[in-house]
Amino acid sequence: MEEALYGPEGFYRRPEGPAGHFRTSVHASPLFAGAVARLLCRVDAALGHPGELAFVDMGAGRGELTAGVIAALPADVAARTRAYAVERAARPEGLDPVIEWRAEPPADVTGLLFANEWLDNVPLDVAERAPDGAVRQVLVHADGTEELGAPVAGPDAAWLARWWPLGPEAGLRAEIGRPRDEAWAAALATLTRGLAVAVDYAHTRADRPPFGTLTGFRAGREERPVPDGSRDITAHVALDACALPDALLLTQRAALRALGVSGDRPPLALASSDPTGYVRALAGAGQAAELTAAGGLGDFGWLTQPVGMPLGDVLTP
């Protein structure tokens, strides 16, 4: 998975970038970047308006979210904001020079670390209940075919026992999320004070999928997770396992509504008084509805983790 996603010929190093294959909230509407900009402003206020405010975009793709957030900030906040796009691919041409492009997040910063659909691409291993009753590693060949290997042991077995215990039926599967927990903890360690947010396809211990979620995506279609670099390989995230004390887990629907994004239609009276404004507001309502839709993007999980600051009213409507 590591090689298929991030190796020299890996999916995330392809010239077309992730947007050439699938649509995230960032690509669905500029309202998403606007909401993240408002969140950054609320974090700024909670931190007492520091002299330098960081915005760290983990898994930045081609910098679309970073650029959108910077463009949406009020001038006084933008003047103090230092933006970092964290991505293993090369810096795209034409990106705003104020954005610092990095392979790893900066250390000792104050502000907002935002990881939109990053954790689902942190490589992990898969386990399956074998016919002999053991929970075994799932091994994959270059063509995507699989076989069962050795029993899961050590820290991975301990993680499964705590966060994703498998029932006795043969064929039940789990994705071992320990690497995601560690990646998230490492990202949090770069914040001196501020807020870290992970947004992703997610599940909790109460509703783990019985056969896992590992899959591939290419050109807008779901495919077998063949590790050849031609497609994304992804699995939903056990966000509750990543969470540390004082974290808040909520849906994207709830988070975006708290940040002023609503799919409510504009009043019909506006169509008479300001037809152009009505059409614009109607388009915005449609985009907001997609971002907050049940059964779609609105069901994404938001893990919000304060570091050295109270979460307080940051996500209060």
C-alpha atoms as a PDB file:
ATOM      1  CA  MET A   1       0.000   0.000   0.000  1.00  0.00           C
ATOM      2  CA  GLU A   2       2.857   2.385   0.831  1.00  0.00           C
ATOM      3  CA  GLU A   3       4.581   1.704  -2.484  1.00  0.00           C
ATOM      4  CA  ALA A   4       1.353   1.778  -4.494  1.00  0.00           C
ATOM      5  CA  LEU A   5       0.332   5.164  -3.110  1.00  0.00           C
ATOM      6  CA  TYR A   6       3.589   7.000  -2.458  1.00  0.00           C
ATOM      7  CA  GLY A   7       6.413   5.157  -4.244  1.00  0.00           C
ATOM      8  CA  PRO A   8       8.150   6.608  -7.329  1.00  0.00           C
ATOM      9  CA  GLU A   9       5.294   5.338  -9.535  1.00  0.00           C
ATOM     10  CA  GLY A  10       2.645   5.675  -6.851  1.00  0.00           C
ATOM     11  CA  PHE A  11      -0.881   6.946  -7.319  1.00  0.00           C
ATOM     12  CA  TYR A  12      -0.350  10.186  -5.385  1.00  0.00           C
ATOM     13  CA  ARG A  13       2.630  11.106  -7.538  1.00  0.00           C
ATOM     14  CA  ARG A  14       0.681  10.874 -10.794  1.00  0.00           C
ATOM     15  CA  PRO A  15       0.600  14.168 -12.746  1.00  0.00           C
ATOM     16  CA  GLU A  16      -3.204  14.486 -12.807  1.00  0.00           C
ATOM     17  CA  GLY A  17      -3.404  14.472  -8.999  1.00  0.00           C
ATOM     18  CA  PRO A  18      -6.270  13.081  -6.898  1.00  0.00           C
ATOM     19  CA  ALA A  19      -8.806  15.465  -8.479  1.00  0.00           C
ATOM     20  CA  GLY A  20      -8.355  13.578 -11.739  1.00  0.00           C
ATOM     21  CA  HIS A  21      -9.913  10.492 -10.135  1.00  0.00           C
ATOM     22  CA  PHE A  22     -12.348  11.476  -7.401  1.00  0.00           C
ATOM     23  CA  ARG A  23     -14.179  14.449  -5.927  1.00  0.00           C
ATOM     24  CA  THR A  24     -13.701  15.495  -2.314  1.00  0.00           C
ATOM     25  CA  SER A  25     -15.483  18.207  -0.348  1.00  0.00           C
ATOM     26  CA  VAL A  26     -12.718  20.591  -1.424  1.00  0.00           C
ATOM     27  CA  HIS A  27     -13.568  20.030  -5.083  1.00  0.00           C
ATOM     28  CA  ALA A  28     -17.345  19.995  -4.525  1.00  0.00           C
ATOM     29  CA  SER A  29     -17.620  23.649  -3.536  1.00  0.00           C
ATOM     30  CA  PRO A  30     -15.582  26.683  -2.439  1.00  0.00           C
ATOM     31  CA  LEU A  31     -17.973  26.807   0.514  1.00  0.00           C
ATOM     32  CA  PHE A  32     -15.847  24.118   2.138  1.00  0.00           C
ATOM     33  CA  ALA A  33     -12.681  26.240   2.045  1.00  0.00           C
ATOM     34  CA  GLY A  34     -14.711  29.191   3.286  1.00  0.00           C
ATOM     35  CA  ALA A  35     -15.912  27.162   6.264  1.00  0.00           C
ATOM     36  CA  VAL A  36     -12.353  26.066   7.081  1.00  0.00           C
ATOM     37  CA  ALA A  37     -11.279  29.725   6.861  1.00  0.00           C
ATOM     38  CA  ARG A  38     -13.988  30.628   9.392  1.00  0.00           C
ATOM     39  CA  LEU A  39     -12.775  27.809  11.612  1.00  0.00           C
ATOM     40  CA  LEU A  40      -9.233  29.189  11.397  1.00  0.00           C
ATOM     41  CA  CYS A  41     -10.550  32.619  12.403  1.00  0.00           C
ATOM     42  CA  ARG A  42     -12.314  31.107  15.420  1.00  0.00           C
ATOM     43  CA  VAL A  43      -9.134  29.275  16.421  1.00  0.00           C
ATOM     44  CA  ASP A  44      -7.235  32.561  16.034  1.00  0.00           C
ATOM     45  CA  ALA A  45      -9.664  34.273  18.414  1.00  0.00           C
ATOM     46  CA  ALA A  46      -9.482  31.406  20.927  1.00  0.00           C
ATOM     47  CA  LEU A  47      -5.683  31.655  20.869  1.00  0.00           C
ATOM     48  CA  GLY A  48      -5.743  35.404  21.503  1.00  0.00           C
ATOM     49  CA  HIS A  49      -4.708  36.450  17.967  1.00  0.00           C
ATOM     50  CA  PRO A  50      -1.066  35.302  17.962  1.00  0.00           C
ATOM     51  CA  GLY A  51       1.515  37.221  15.940  1.00  0.00           C
ATOM     52  CA  GLU A  52       1.922  34.230  13.597  1.00  0.00           C
ATOM     53  CA  LEU A  53      -0.952  31.868  12.876  1.00  0.00           C
ATOM     54  CA  ALA A  54      -0.317  28.568  11.087  1.00  0.00           C
ATOM     55  CA  PHE A  55      -2.638  26.784   8.701  1.00  0.00           C
ATOM     56  CA  VAL A  56      -1.298  23.282   8.018  1.00  0.00           C
ATOM     57  CA  ASP A  57      -3.053  21.305   5.268  1.00  0.00           C
ATOM     58  CA  MET A  58      -2.186  17.607   5.675  1.00  0.00           C
ATOM     59  CA  GLY A  59      -2.436  15.553   2.480  1.00  0.00           C
ATOM     60  CA  ALA A  60      -2.829  18.731   0.467  1.00  0.00           C
ATOM     61  CA  GLY A  61      -3.292  17.142  -2.966  1.00  0.00           C
ATOM     62  CA  ARG A  62      -2.407  19.971  -5.320  1.00  0.00           C
ATOM     63  CA  GLY A  63      -2.951  22.725  -2.749  1.00  0.00           C
ATOM     64  CA  GLU A  64      -6.590  23.442  -3.610  1.00  0.00           C
ATOM     65  CA  LEU A  65      -7.806  23.700  -0.006  1.00  0.00           C
ATOM     66  CA  THR A  66      -4.799  25.710   1.164  1.00  0.00           C
ATOM     67  CA  ALA A  67      -5.245  28.249  -1.612  1.00  0.00           C
ATOM     68  CA  GLY A  68      -8.996  28.466  -1.005  1.00  0.00           C
ATOM     69  CA  VAL A  69      -8.577  29.060   2.720  1.00  0.00           C
ATOM     70  CA  ILE A  70      -5.983  31.796   2.242  1.00  0.00           C
ATOM     71  CA  ALA A  71      -8.190  33.529  -0.320  1.00  0.00           C
ATOM     72  CA  ALA A  72     -11.193  33.442   2.034  1.00  0.00           C
ATOM     73  CA  LEU A  73      -9.467  34.908   5.105  1.00  0.00           C
ATOM     74  CA  PRO A  74     -10.087  38.491   6.246  1.00  0.00           C
ATOM     75  CA  ALA A  75      -7.109  40.717   5.468  1.00  0.00           C
ATOM     76  CA  ASP A  76      -6.040  41.134   9.102  1.00  0.00           C
ATOM     77  CA  VAL A  77      -5.958  37.353   9.664  1.00  0.00           C
ATOM     78  CA  ALA A  78      -4.344  36.610   6.298  1.00  0.00           C
ATOM     79  CA  ALA A  79      -1.531  39.035   7.115  1.00  0.00           C
ATOM     80  CA  ARG A  80      -0.574  36.913  10.142  1.00  0.00           C
ATOM     81  CA  THR A  81      -1.191  33.489   8.605  1.00  0.00           C
ATOM     82  CA  ARG A  82       1.576  31.203   7.437  1.00  0.00           C
ATOM     83  CA  ALA A  83       0.224  28.469   5.192  1.00  0.00           C
ATOM     84  CA  TYR A  84       1.793  25.017   4.803  1.00  0.00           C
ATOM     85  CA  ALA A  85       0.691  22.426   2.251  1.00  0.00           C
ATOM     86  CA  VAL A  86       1.961  18.997   3.338  1.00  0.00           C
ATOM     87  CA  GLU A  87       2.141  16.541   0.454  1.00  0.00           C
ATOM     88  CA  ARG A  88       4.653  14.008  -0.898  1.00  0.00           C
ATOM     89  CA  ALA A  89       4.045  14.912  -4.546  1.00  0.00           C
ATOM     90  CA  ALA A  90       6.010  17.730  -6.178  1.00  0.00           C
ATOM     91  CA  ARG A  91       4.813  21.314  -5.780  1.00  0.00           C
ATOM     92  CA  PRO A  92       2.328  22.165  -8.533  1.00  0.00           C
ATOM     93  CA  GLU A  93       3.068  25.007 -10.921  1.00  0.00           C
ATOM     94  CA  GLY A  94       1.218  28.251 -10.351  1.00  0.00           C
ATOM     95  CA  LEU A  95       0.573  27.742  -6.640  1.00  0.00           C
ATOM     96  CA  ASP A  96       0.501  30.965  -4.644  1.00  0.00           C
ATOM     97  CA  PRO A  97       4.103  31.594  -3.492  1.00  0.00           C
ATOM     98  CA  VAL A  98       2.894  32.458   0.026  1.00  0.00           C
ATOM     99  CA  ILE A  99       2.084  28.737   0.481  1.00  0.00           C
ATOM    100  CA  GLU A 100       5.022  26.708   1.764  1.00  0.00           C
ATOM    101  CA  TRP A 101       5.134  23.231   0.201  1.00  0.00           C
ATOM    102  CA  ARG A 102       6.498  20.509   2.477  1.00  0.00           C
ATOM    103  CA  ALA A 103       6.791  16.731   2.617  1.00  0.00           C
ATOM    104  CA  GLU A 104       6.375  16.791   6.413  1.00  0.00           C
ATOM    105  CA  PRO A 105       4.412  19.145   8.677  1.00  0.00           C
ATOM    106  CA  PRO A 106       6.300  21.997  10.349  1.00  0.00           C
ATOM    107  CA  ALA A 107       7.165  21.650  14.024  1.00  0.00           C
ATOM    108  CA  ASP A 108       6.162  23.869  16.934  1.00  0.00           C
ATOM    109  CA  VAL A 109       3.429  25.887  15.260  1.00  0.00           C
ATOM    110  CA  THR A 110       0.346  27.616  16.633  1.00  0.00           C
ATOM    111  CA  GLY A 111      -2.897  27.494  14.711  1.00  0.00           C
ATOM    112  CA  LEU A 112      -5.031  24.975  12.788  1.00  0.00           C
ATOM    113  CA  LEU A 113      -3.894  21.621  11.394  1.00  0.00           C
ATOM    114  CA  PHE A 114      -6.490  20.293   8.955  1.00  0.00           C
ATOM    115  CA  ALA A 115      -6.392  16.794   7.438  1.00  0.00           C
ATOM    116  CA  ASN A 116      -9.095  16.301   4.831  1.00  0.00           C
ATOM    117  CA  GLU A 117      -9.182  12.680   3.608  1.00  0.00           C
ATOM    118  CA  TRP A 118      -5.580  12.082   4.684  1.00  0.00           C
ATOM    119  CA  LEU A 119      -5.883   9.335   7.285  1.00  0.00           C
ATOM    120  CA  ASP A 120      -7.768   6.995   4.942  1.00  0.00           C
ATOM    121  CA  ASN A 121      -4.612   6.857   2.817  1.00  0.00           C
ATOM    122  CA  VAL A 122      -2.202   6.155   5.674  1.00  0.00           C
ATOM    123  CA  PRO A 123      -1.129   2.578   4.815  1.00  0.00           C
ATOM    124  CA  LEU A 124      -2.312  -0.232   7.057  1.00  0.00           C
ATOM    125  CA  ASP A 125      -2.623  -4.007   7.203  1.00  0.00           C
ATOM    126  CA  VAL A 126      -5.775  -6.101   6.971  1.00  0.00           C
ATOM    127  CA  ALA A 127      -6.720  -9.025   9.220  1.00  0.00           C
ATOM    128  CA  GLU A 128      -9.212 -11.846   8.599  1.00  0.00           C
ATOM    129  CA  ARG A 129     -10.742 -14.584  10.730  1.00  0.00           C
ATOM    130  CA  ALA A 130      -9.462 -17.776   9.095  1.00  0.00           C
ATOM    131  CA  PRO A 131     -11.358 -21.083   8.880  1.00  0.00           C
ATOM    132  CA  ASP A 132      -9.040 -22.461  11.587  1.00  0.00           C
ATOM    133  CA  GLY A 133     -10.273 -19.747  13.974  1.00  0.00           C
ATOM    134  CA  ALA A 134      -7.068 -17.682  14.000  1.00  0.00           C
ATOM    135  CA  VAL A 135      -7.039 -13.989  13.068  1.00  0.00           C
ATOM    136  CA  ARG A 136      -4.472 -13.855  10.269  1.00  0.00           C
ATOM    137  CA  GLN A 137      -2.742 -11.217   8.184  1.00  0.00           C
ATOM    138  CA  VAL A 138      -4.107 -10.743   4.669  1.00  0.00           C
ATOM    139  CA  LEU A 139      -1.274 -10.857   2.130  1.00  0.00           C
ATOM    140  CA  VAL A 140      -1.701  -9.362  -1.325  1.00  0.00           C
ATOM    141  CA  HIS A 141       0.046 -10.174  -4.608  1.00  0.00           C
ATOM    142  CA  ALA A 142       0.933  -7.660  -7.315  1.00  0.00           C
ATOM    143  CA  ASP A 143      -2.233  -8.497  -9.248  1.00  0.00           C
ATOM    144  CA  GLY A 144      -4.462  -7.938  -6.203  1.00  0.00           C
ATOM    145  CA  THR A 145      -5.126 -11.586  -5.388  1.00  0.00           C
ATOM    146  CA  GLU A 146      -4.909 -12.438  -1.708  1.00  0.00           C
ATOM    147  CA  GLU A 147      -3.992 -15.208   0.694  1.00  0.00           C
ATOM    148  CA  LEU A 148      -3.883 -15.541   4.457  1.00  0.00           C
ATOM    149  CA  GLY A 149      -0.578 -15.355   6.273  1.00  0.00           C
ATOM    150  CA  ALA A 150       0.629 -15.614   9.846  1.00  0.00           C
ATOM    151  CA  PRO A 151      -1.604 -14.903  12.849  1.00  0.00           C
ATOM    152  CA  VAL A 152      -1.762 -11.271  13.902  1.00  0.00           C
ATOM    153  CA  ALA A 153       0.335 -10.784  17.031  1.00  0.00           C
ATOM    154  CA  GLY A 154       1.898  -8.127  19.257  1.00  0.00           C
ATOM    155  CA  PRO A 155       0.704  -4.498  19.129  1.00  0.00           C
ATOM    156  CA  ASP A 156      -1.561  -5.178  16.143  1.00  0.00           C
ATOM    157  CA  ALA A 157      -3.364  -7.955  18.001  1.00  0.00           C
ATOM    158  CA  ALA A 158      -3.724  -5.678  21.019  1.00  0.00           C
ATOM    159  CA  TRP A 159      -5.174  -2.922  18.815  1.00  0.00           C
ATOM    160  CA  LEU A 160      -7.726  -5.321  17.333  1.00  0.00           C
ATOM    161  CA  ALA A 161      -8.745  -6.587  20.744  1.00  0.00           C
ATOM    162  CA  ARG A 162      -9.416  -3.053  21.951  1.00  0.00           C
ATOM    163  CA  TRP A 163     -10.813  -1.333  18.881  1.00  0.00           C
ATOM    164  CA  TRP A 164     -12.039  -3.915  16.372  1.00  0.00           C
ATOM    165  CA  PRO A 165     -12.577  -7.365  17.913  1.00  0.00           C
ATOM    166  CA  LEU A 166     -13.645  -9.860  15.271  1.00  0.00           C
ATOM    167  CA  GLY A 167     -16.439 -12.329  15.827  1.00  0.00           C
ATOM    168  CA  PRO A 168     -15.914 -16.088  15.468  1.00  0.00           C
ATOM    169  CA  GLU A 169     -17.227 -16.411  11.890  1.00  0.00           C
ATOM    170  CA  ALA A 170     -14.652 -17.180   9.211  1.00  0.00           C
ATOM    171  CA  GLY A 171     -14.216 -14.414   6.658  1.00  0.00           C
ATOM    172  CA  LEU A 172     -14.821 -11.460   8.990  1.00  0.00           C
ATOM    173  CA  ARG A 173     -12.272  -8.711   8.356  1.00  0.00           C
ATOM    174  CA  ALA A 174     -10.761  -5.714  10.073  1.00  0.00           C
ATOM    175  CA  GLU A 175      -8.346  -3.010   9.022  1.00  0.00           C
ATOM    176  CA  ILE A 176      -5.669  -2.566  11.682  1.00  0.00           C
ATOM    177  CA  GLY A 177      -5.769   1.169  12.356  1.00  0.00           C
ATOM    178  CA  ARG A 178      -2.725   1.420  14.592  1.00  0.00           C
ATOM    179  CA  PRO A 179      -0.643   3.221  11.881  1.00  0.00           C
ATOM    180  CA  ARG A 180      -3.394   5.838  11.571  1.00  0.00           C
ATOM    181  CA  ASP A 181      -3.407   6.391  15.349  1.00  0.00           C
ATOM    182  CA  GLU A 182       0.355   6.873  15.288  1.00  0.00           C
ATOM    183  CA  ALA A 183       0.264   9.177  12.244  1.00  0.00           C
ATOM    184  CA  TRP A 184      -2.401  11.331  13.887  1.00  0.00           C
ATOM    185  CA  ALA A 185      -0.480  11.492  17.182  1.00  0.00           C
ATOM    186  CA  ALA A 186       2.666  12.542  15.280  1.00  0.00           C
ATOM    187  CA  ALA A 187       0.730  15.282  13.477  1.00  0.00           C
ATOM    188  CA  LEU A 188      -0.697  16.530  16.789  1.00  0.00           C
ATOM    189  CA  ALA A 189       2.813  16.679  18.246  1.00  0.00           C
ATOM    190  CA  THR A 190       3.726  19.407  15.739  1.00  0.00           C
ATOM    191  CA  LEU A 191       1.166  21.781  17.300  1.00  0.00           C
ATOM    192  CA  THR A 192       2.265  23.852  20.274  1.00  0.00           C
ATOM    193  CA  ARG A 193      -1.224  25.323  20.633  1.00  0.00           C
ATOM    194  CA  GLY A 194      -4.263  25.167  18.445  1.00  0.00           C
ATOM    195  CA  LEU A 195      -6.738  22.763  16.919  1.00  0.00           C
ATOM    196  CA  ALA A 196      -6.259  19.656  14.788  1.00  0.00           C
ATOM    197  CA  VAL A 197      -9.108  18.356  12.624  1.00  0.00           C
ATOM    198  CA  ALA A 198      -9.277  15.085  10.691  1.00  0.00           C
ATOM    199  CA  VAL A 199     -12.123  14.729   8.185  1.00  0.00           C
ATOM    200  CA  ASP A 200     -12.710  11.320   6.649  1.00  0.00           C
ATOM    201  CA  TYR A 201     -14.865   8.349   5.825  1.00  0.00           C
ATOM    202  CA  ALA A 202     -15.160   6.929   9.320  1.00  0.00           C
ATOM    203  CA  HIS A 203     -16.706   4.397  11.668  1.00  0.00           C
ATOM    204  CA  THR A 204     -16.658   3.801  15.409  1.00  0.00           C
ATOM    205  CA  ARG A 205     -16.444   0.673  17.542  1.00  0.00           C
ATOM    206  CA  ALA A 206     -20.234   0.459  17.694  1.00  0.00           C
ATOM    207  CA  ASP A 207     -20.617   0.203  13.906  1.00  0.00           C
ATOM    208  CA  ARG A 208     -17.485  -1.391  12.434  1.00  0.00           C
ATOM    209  CA  PRO A 209     -18.188  -2.901   8.996  1.00  0.00           C
ATOM    210  CA  PRO A 210     -18.004  -6.712   9.312  1.00  0.00           C
ATOM    211  CA  PHE A 211     -15.905  -7.240   6.201  1.00  0.00           C
ATOM    212  CA  GLY A 212     -13.819  -4.065   6.271  1.00  0.00           C
ATOM    213  CA  THR A 213     -13.784  -1.230   3.745  1.00  0.00           C
ATOM    214  CA  LEU A 214     -10.529  -1.598   1.793  1.00  0.00           C
ATOM    215  CA  THR A 215     -11.122  -0.614  -1.836  1.00  0.00           C
ATOM    216  CA  GLY A 216      -9.654   1.134  -4.842  1.00  0.00           C
ATOM    217  CA  PHE A 217     -10.721   4.202  -6.839  1.00  0.00           C
ATOM    218  CA  ARG A 218      -9.769   5.228 -10.354  1.00  0.00           C
ATOM    219  CA  ALA A 219     -11.353   7.698 -12.775  1.00  0.00           C
ATOM    220  CA  GLY A 220     -14.366   8.197 -10.539  1.00  0.00           C
ATOM    221  CA  ARG A 221     -15.158   4.504 -10.150  1.00  0.00           C
ATOM    222  CA  GLU A 222     -14.683   2.032  -7.321  1.00  0.00           C
ATOM    223  CA  GLU A 223     -12.336  -0.823  -8.276  1.00  0.00           C
ATOM    224  CA  ARG A 224     -10.434  -3.717  -6.732  1.00  0.00           C
ATOM    225  CA  PRO A 225      -7.558  -2.498  -4.537  1.00  0.00           C
ATOM    226  CA  VAL A 226      -4.776  -3.711  -6.843  1.00  0.00           C
ATOM    227  CA  PRO A 227      -1.462  -2.256  -5.534  1.00  0.00           C
ATOM    228  CA  ASP A 228      -0.014  -1.262  -8.904  1.00  0.00           C
ATOM    229  CA  GLY A 229       0.000   2.549  -8.550  1.00  0.00           C
ATOM    230  CA  SER A 230      -2.794   3.046 -11.075  1.00  0.00           C
ATOM    231  CA  ARG A 231      -5.524   3.686  -8.482  1.00  0.00           C
ATOM    232  CA  ASP A 232      -6.154   4.999  -5.027  1.00  0.00           C
ATOM    233  CA  ILE A 233      -6.166   2.405  -2.253  1.00  0.00           C
ATOM    234  CA  THR A 234      -8.178   3.510   0.724  1.00  0.00           C
ATOM    235  CA  ALA A 235      -9.977   2.273   3.826  1.00  0.00           C
ATOM    236  CA  HIS A 236     -12.341   4.084   6.167  1.00  0.00           C
ATOM    237  CA  VAL A 237     -10.873   5.373   9.432  1.00  0.00           C
ATOM    238  CA  ALA A 238     -11.538   4.263  13.003  1.00  0.00           C
ATOM    239  CA  LEU A 239     -11.588   7.877  14.178  1.00  0.00           C
ATOM    240  CA  ASP A 240     -12.559   6.935  17.730  1.00  0.00           C
ATOM    241  CA  ALA A 241      -9.278   5.018  18.038  1.00  0.00           C
ATOM    242  CA  CYS A 242      -7.314   8.077  16.879  1.00  0.00           C
ATOM    243  CA  ALA A 243      -9.002  10.414  19.359  1.00  0.00           C
ATOM    244  CA  LEU A 244      -7.110  11.595  22.428  1.00  0.00           C
ATOM    245  CA  PRO A 245      -8.607  13.124  25.606  1.00  0.00           C
ATOM    246  CA  ASP A 246     -10.783  16.238  25.061  1.00  0.00           C
ATOM    247  CA  ALA A 247     -11.463  15.341  21.423  1.00  0.00           C
ATOM    248  CA  LEU A 248     -14.884  15.867  19.885  1.00  0.00           C
ATOM    249  CA  LEU A 249     -16.280  13.559  17.193  1.00  0.00           C
ATOM    250  CA  LEU A 250     -19.101  14.869  15.026  1.00  0.00           C
ATOM    251  CA  THR A 251     -20.438  14.583  11.503  1.00  0.00           C
ATOM    252  CA  GLN A 252     -19.473  16.911   8.686  1.00  0.00           C
ATOM    253  CA  ARG A 253     -23.111  17.958   8.554  1.00  0.00           C
ATOM    254  CA  ALA A 254     -23.000  19.194  12.152  1.00  0.00           C
ATOM    255  CA  ALA A 255     -19.546  20.760  11.800  1.00  0.00           C
ATOM    256  CA  LEU A 256     -20.351  22.707   8.621  1.00  0.00           C
ATOM    257  CA  ARG A 257     -23.673  23.927   9.971  1.00  0.00           C
ATOM    258  CA  ALA A 258     -21.820  25.198  13.030  1.00  0.00           C
ATOM    259  CA  LEU A 259     -19.535  27.054  10.605  1.00  0.00           C
ATOM    260  CA  GLY A 260     -22.391  28.662   8.707  1.00  0.00           C
ATOM    261  CA  VAL A 261     -22.855  26.254   5.794  1.00  0.00           C
ATOM    262  CA  SER A 262     -26.499  25.351   5.314  1.00  0.00           C
ATOM    263  CA  GLY A 263     -28.433  23.873   2.427  1.00  0.00           C
ATOM    264  CA  ASP A 264     -31.501  26.019   3.192  1.00  0.00           C
ATOM    265  CA  ARG A 265     -33.033  27.589   0.108  1.00  0.00           C
ATOM    266  CA  PRO A 266     -33.033  31.401  -0.065  1.00  0.00           C
ATOM    267  CA  PRO A 267     -36.383  33.152   0.480  1.00  0.00           C
ATOM    268  CA  LEU A 268     -38.504  33.457  -2.660  1.00  0.00           C
ATOM    269  CA  ALA A 269     -38.923  37.178  -2.017  1.00  0.00           C
ATOM    270  CA  LEU A 270     -35.279  37.608  -2.963  1.00  0.00           C
ATOM    271  CA  ALA A 271     -36.106  36.445  -6.499  1.00  0.00           C
ATOM    272  CA  SER A 272     -38.178  39.607  -6.980  1.00  0.00           C
ATOM    273  CA  SER A 273     -35.928  42.101  -5.236  1.00  0.00           C
ATOM    274  CA  ASP A 274     -32.581  40.723  -6.442  1.00  0.00           C
ATOM    275  CA  PRO A 275     -32.897  38.052  -9.164  1.00  0.00           C
ATOM    276  CA  THR A 276     -29.143  37.737  -9.657  1.00  0.00           C
ATOM    277  CA  GLY A 277     -28.575  37.416  -5.933  1.00  0.00           C
ATOM    278  CA  TYR A 278     -31.328  34.816  -5.718  1.00  0.00           C
ATOM    279  CA  VAL A 279     -29.735  32.661  -8.430  1.00  0.00           C
ATOM    280  CA  ARG A 280     -26.364  32.961  -6.708  1.00  0.00           C
ATOM    281  CA  ALA A 281     -27.853  32.071  -3.328  1.00  0.00           C
ATOM    282  CA  LEU A 282     -29.727  29.144  -4.838  1.00  0.00           C
ATOM    283  CA  ALA A 283     -26.519  27.771  -6.359  1.00  0.00           C
ATOM    284  CA  GLY A 284     -24.778  28.162  -3.015  1.00  0.00           C
ATOM    285  CA  ALA A 285     -27.603  26.340  -1.253  1.00  0.00           C
ATOM    286  CA  GLY A 286     -27.256  23.452  -3.701  1.00  0.00           C
ATOM    287  CA  GLN A 287     -23.527  23.213  -3.045  1.00  0.00           C
ATOM    288  CA  ALA A 288     -24.106  23.388   0.707  1.00  0.00           C
ATOM    289  CA  ALA A 289     -26.705  20.651   0.449  1.00  0.00           C
ATOM    290  CA  GLU A 290     -24.156  18.376  -1.245  1.00  0.00           C
ATOM    291  CA  LEU A 291     -21.544  19.063   1.436  1.00  0.00           C
ATOM    292  CA  THR A 292     -24.006  18.241   4.233  1.00  0.00           C
ATOM    293  CA  ALA A 293     -26.084  15.503   2.567  1.00  0.00           C
ATOM    294  CA  ALA A 294     -27.099  12.431   4.556  1.00  0.00           C
ATOM    295  CA  GLY A 295     -25.745   9.311   2.907  1.00  0.00           C
ATOM    296  CA  GLY A 296     -22.983  11.387   1.292  1.00  0.00           C
ATOM    297  CA  LEU A 297     -20.402  13.971   2.296  1.00  0.00           C
ATOM    298  CA  GLY A 298     -22.467  15.070   5.292  1.00  0.00           C
ATOM    299  CA  ASP A 299     -21.871  11.691   6.948  1.00  0.00           C
ATOM    300  CA  PHE A 300     -18.091  12.105   6.977  1.00  0.00           C
ATOM    301  CA  GLY A 301     -16.566  12.124  10.449  1.00  0.00           C
ATOM    302  CA  TRP A 302     -14.825  15.182  11.901  1.00  0.00           C
ATOM    303  CA  LEU A 303     -12.330  14.462  14.686  1.00  0.00           C
ATOM    304  CA  THR A 304     -11.546  17.759  16.394  1.00  0.00           C
ATOM    305  CA  GLN A 305      -8.646  17.709  18.839  1.00  0.00           C
ATOM    306  CA  PRO A 306      -7.670  20.813  20.826  1.00  0.00           C
ATOM    307  CA  VAL A 307      -4.027  21.213  21.784  1.00  0.00           C
ATOM    308  CA  GLY A 308      -3.204  23.626  24.591  1.00  0.00           C
ATOM    309  CA  MET A 309      -6.513  25.462  24.170  1.00  0.00           C
ATOM    310  CA  PRO A 310     -10.144  24.802  25.111  1.00  0.00           C
ATOM    311  CA  LEU A 311     -12.433  23.709  22.300  1.00  0.00           C
ATOM    312  CA  GLY A 312     -15.038  25.991  23.828  1.00  0.00           C
ATOM    313  CA  ASP A 313     -17.290  27.668  21.282  1.00  0.00           C
ATOM    314  CA  VAL A 314     -15.083  27.029  18.244  1.00  0.00           C
ATOM    315  CA  LEU A 315     -17.681  24.699  16.720  1.00  0.00           C
ATOM    316  CA  THR A 316     -20.786  26.272  18.230  1.00  0.00           C
ATOM    317  CA  PRO A 317     -23.232  27.651  15.631  1.00  0.00           C
END
